[in-house]
C-alpha atoms as a PDB file:
ATOM      1  CA  SER A   1       7.309  19.319  -5.605  1.00  0.00           C
ATOM      2  CA  ASP A   2       6.926  21.398  -2.467  1.00  0.00           C
ATOM      3  CA  THR A   3       3.213  20.633  -2.386  1.00  0.00           C
ATOM      4  CA  VAL A   4       2.996  16.899  -3.145  1.00  0.00           C
ATOM      5  CA  THR A   5       4.795  13.783  -1.956  1.00  0.00           C
ATOM      6  CA  ALA A   6       4.670  10.635  -4.110  1.00  0.00           C
ATOM      7  CA  VAL A   7       4.807   7.282  -2.294  1.00  0.00           C
ATOM      8  CA  SER A   8       5.493   3.927  -3.957  1.00  0.00           C
ATOM      9  CA  ILE A   9       2.815   1.288  -3.460  1.00  0.00           C
ATOM     10  CA  PRO A  10       4.473  -1.983  -2.446  1.00  0.00           C
ATOM     11  CA  GLU A  11       3.873  -5.106  -4.512  1.00  0.00           C
ATOM     12  CA  GLY A  12       0.854  -7.013  -3.311  1.00  0.00           C
ATOM     13  CA  VAL A  13      -0.932  -3.898  -2.010  1.00  0.00           C
ATOM     14  CA  ASP A  14      -4.253  -2.976  -3.611  1.00  0.00           C
ATOM     15  CA  GLY A  15      -3.695   0.713  -4.326  1.00  0.00           C
ATOM     16  CA  ALA A  16      -7.279   1.471  -5.339  1.00  0.00           C
ATOM     17  CA  ARG A  17      -8.599  -0.056  -2.121  1.00  0.00           C
ATOM     18  CA  LEU A  18      -5.965   1.835  -0.122  1.00  0.00           C
ATOM     19  CA  LEU A  19      -7.182   5.149  -1.545  1.00  0.00           C
ATOM     20  CA  ALA A  20     -10.834   4.211  -0.993  1.00  0.00           C
ATOM     21  CA  LEU A  21     -10.351   3.118   2.642  1.00  0.00           C
ATOM     22  CA  MET A  22      -8.301   6.184   3.494  1.00  0.00           C
ATOM     23  CA  ARG A  23     -11.087   8.392   2.153  1.00  0.00           C
ATOM     24  CA  GLU A  24     -14.086   6.428   3.432  1.00  0.00           C
ATOM     25  CA  ASP A  25     -12.821   5.375   6.866  1.00  0.00           C
ATOM     26  CA  HIS A  26     -10.498   8.236   7.774  1.00  0.00           C
ATOM     27  CA  GLY A  27     -11.494  11.238   5.650  1.00  0.00           C
ATOM     28  CA  VAL A  28      -8.026  11.371   4.076  1.00  0.00           C
ATOM     29  CA  VAL A  29      -8.120  12.062   0.344  1.00  0.00           C
ATOM     30  CA  LEU A  30      -5.098  10.838  -1.600  1.00  0.00           C
ATOM     31  CA  ALA A  31      -4.476  10.856  -5.335  1.00  0.00           C
ATOM     32  CA  GLY A  32      -3.331   7.880  -7.356  1.00  0.00           C
ATOM     33  CA  GLY A  33      -0.619   7.886  -9.974  1.00  0.00           C
ATOM     34  CA  GLN A  34      -1.306   8.936 -13.545  1.00  0.00           C
ATOM     35  CA  ALA A  35      -0.368   7.312 -16.858  1.00  0.00           C
ATOM     36  CA  SER A  36       2.565   4.902 -16.368  1.00  0.00           C
ATOM     37  CA  LEU A  37       2.443   5.416 -12.567  1.00  0.00           C
ATOM     38  CA  ARG A  38      -1.200   4.337 -12.220  1.00  0.00           C
ATOM     39  CA  GLY A  39      -1.369   1.693  -9.494  1.00  0.00           C
ATOM     40  CA  LYS A  40       2.302   2.187  -8.639  1.00  0.00           C
ATOM     41  CA  ILE A  41       2.177   5.312  -6.441  1.00  0.00           C
ATOM     42  CA  PHE A  42      -0.152   7.461  -4.416  1.00  0.00           C
ATOM     43  CA  ARG A  43       0.255  11.187  -3.888  1.00  0.00           C
ATOM     44  CA  VAL A  44      -0.139  13.132  -0.658  1.00  0.00           C
ATOM     45  CA  GLY A  45      -0.940  16.831  -1.007  1.00  0.00           C
ATOM     46  CA  HIS A  46       0.445  19.225   1.577  1.00  0.00           C
ATOM     47  CA  MET A  47      -0.002  22.651   0.071  1.00  0.00           C
ATOM     48  CA  GLY A  48       0.013  25.476   2.599  1.00  0.00           C
ATOM     49  CA  HIS A  49       0.352  25.031   6.338  1.00  0.00           C
ATOM     50  CA  CYS A  50       0.169  21.439   7.585  1.00  0.00           C
ATOM     51  CA  SER A  51       0.251  20.970  11.329  1.00  0.00           C
ATOM     52  CA  GLN A  52       2.060  18.173  13.088  1.00  0.00           C
ATOM     53  CA  GLU A  53      -1.351  16.840  14.148  1.00  0.00           C
ATOM     54  CA  GLU A  54      -2.535  16.661  10.521  1.00  0.00           C
ATOM     55  CA  ILE A  55       0.579  14.811   9.457  1.00  0.00           C
ATOM     56  CA  GLN A  56       0.297  12.426  12.407  1.00  0.00           C
ATOM     57  CA  GLY A  57      -3.380  11.859  11.570  1.00  0.00           C
ATOM     58  CA  PHE A  58      -2.443  10.874   8.013  1.00  0.00           C
ATOM     59  CA  LEU A  59       0.280   8.511   9.253  1.00  0.00           C
ATOM     60  CA  ASP A  60      -2.041   6.925  11.839  1.00  0.00           C
ATOM     61  CA  ALA A  61      -4.697   6.364   9.162  1.00  0.00           C
ATOM     62  CA  LEU A  62      -2.130   4.827   6.811  1.00  0.00           C
ATOM     63  CA  VAL A  63      -0.894   2.447   9.526  1.00  0.00           C
ATOM     64  CA  ALA A  64      -4.497   1.381  10.191  1.00  0.00           C
ATOM     65  CA  VAL A  65      -5.326   0.803   6.513  1.00  0.00           C
ATOM     66  CA  LEU A  66      -2.170  -0.883   5.190  1.00  0.00           C
ATOM     67  CA  PRO A  67      -2.812  -4.331   6.721  1.00  0.00           C
ATOM     68  CA  ARG A  68      -6.311  -4.287   5.214  1.00  0.00           C
ATOM     69  CA  VAL A  69      -4.956  -3.842   1.678  1.00  0.00           C
ATOM     70  CA  GLY A  70      -2.321  -6.571   1.637  1.00  0.00           C
ATOM     71  CA  PHE A  71       0.688  -4.980   3.318  1.00  0.00           C
ATOM     72  CA  GLU A  72       2.594  -7.221   5.724  1.00  0.00           C
ATOM     73  CA  SER A  73       4.586  -5.320   8.331  1.00  0.00           C
ATOM     74  CA  SER A  74       7.180  -8.107   8.448  1.00  0.00           C
ATOM     75  CA  ARG A  75       8.375  -6.847   5.039  1.00  0.00           C
ATOM     76  CA  VAL A  76       9.648  -3.580   6.570  1.00  0.00           C
END
């Protein structure tokens, strides 16, 4: 889709907590997966114009939250 990007949630990462922390701590609202993808992906909406600053803000928030939800950077 031109308006949504789906991202796989790595094993060991608490997807529900990831979504909650992104929203509560950084004001970034993400959507979880539906049906068979529940808990396996999150979705990032980017409908319309998205500035480089908005994209960088999302990435910075994700980097800050991932270690708090079980992601180990040594797995990259």
